[in-house]
């Protein structure tokens, strides 16, 4: 019989919970393309975004799996046991250009170069959705190799408690980006 940990790791190999969309010029934060993307993320129904893919408004989509780092898990536990003075919530989404080593002990991105407040936070039963829209003028057009979320961050680089971290594989920003994070709490 396979050890439980190995079975769980095998189950997670194909799990996607971070989706990045490269958007064409003119796509707005509250535009129909972003609304359609949010529907796609929740339903996984490609027909929700097909017209925007066909029109070129959604240029590219990348799907990844993140890790929840130890500090992020600890903040959730502190909230459950009432050891936090405030409820933890993800407020900033981060991009970086470092050579990432996303491991459970990570405390920050290797080279954070941009952060933006989450544009929306919601949940549906046991799934939390954290979304961020990064406009063309917000940050440099470059290849971002790191992405993360922080709890209790400020607008200052490297602040907050790292919650989620991934090596992007190289997200190329030429216009706007929309990033949707999907976090599950399961009773499996």
Foldseek 3Di string as FASTA:
>chain_A
DDDPVVVVVVVCPPDWFKKKWAFDPPDDPPDQQVVLVVVCNVPVDCVSNVVVCVVCRGPDMDTDDKDFAPQQVVLCVCVVVVVDPDRWDWFKKWFAADDDDRDNHDFAGPGTDAMDTFPDWDDDVFKIKTKHKAFQPNDDFAWTQKMWIFIPADRDPSDGGTTIIDGRVTDGHRGMMMMMGMDGDDPD
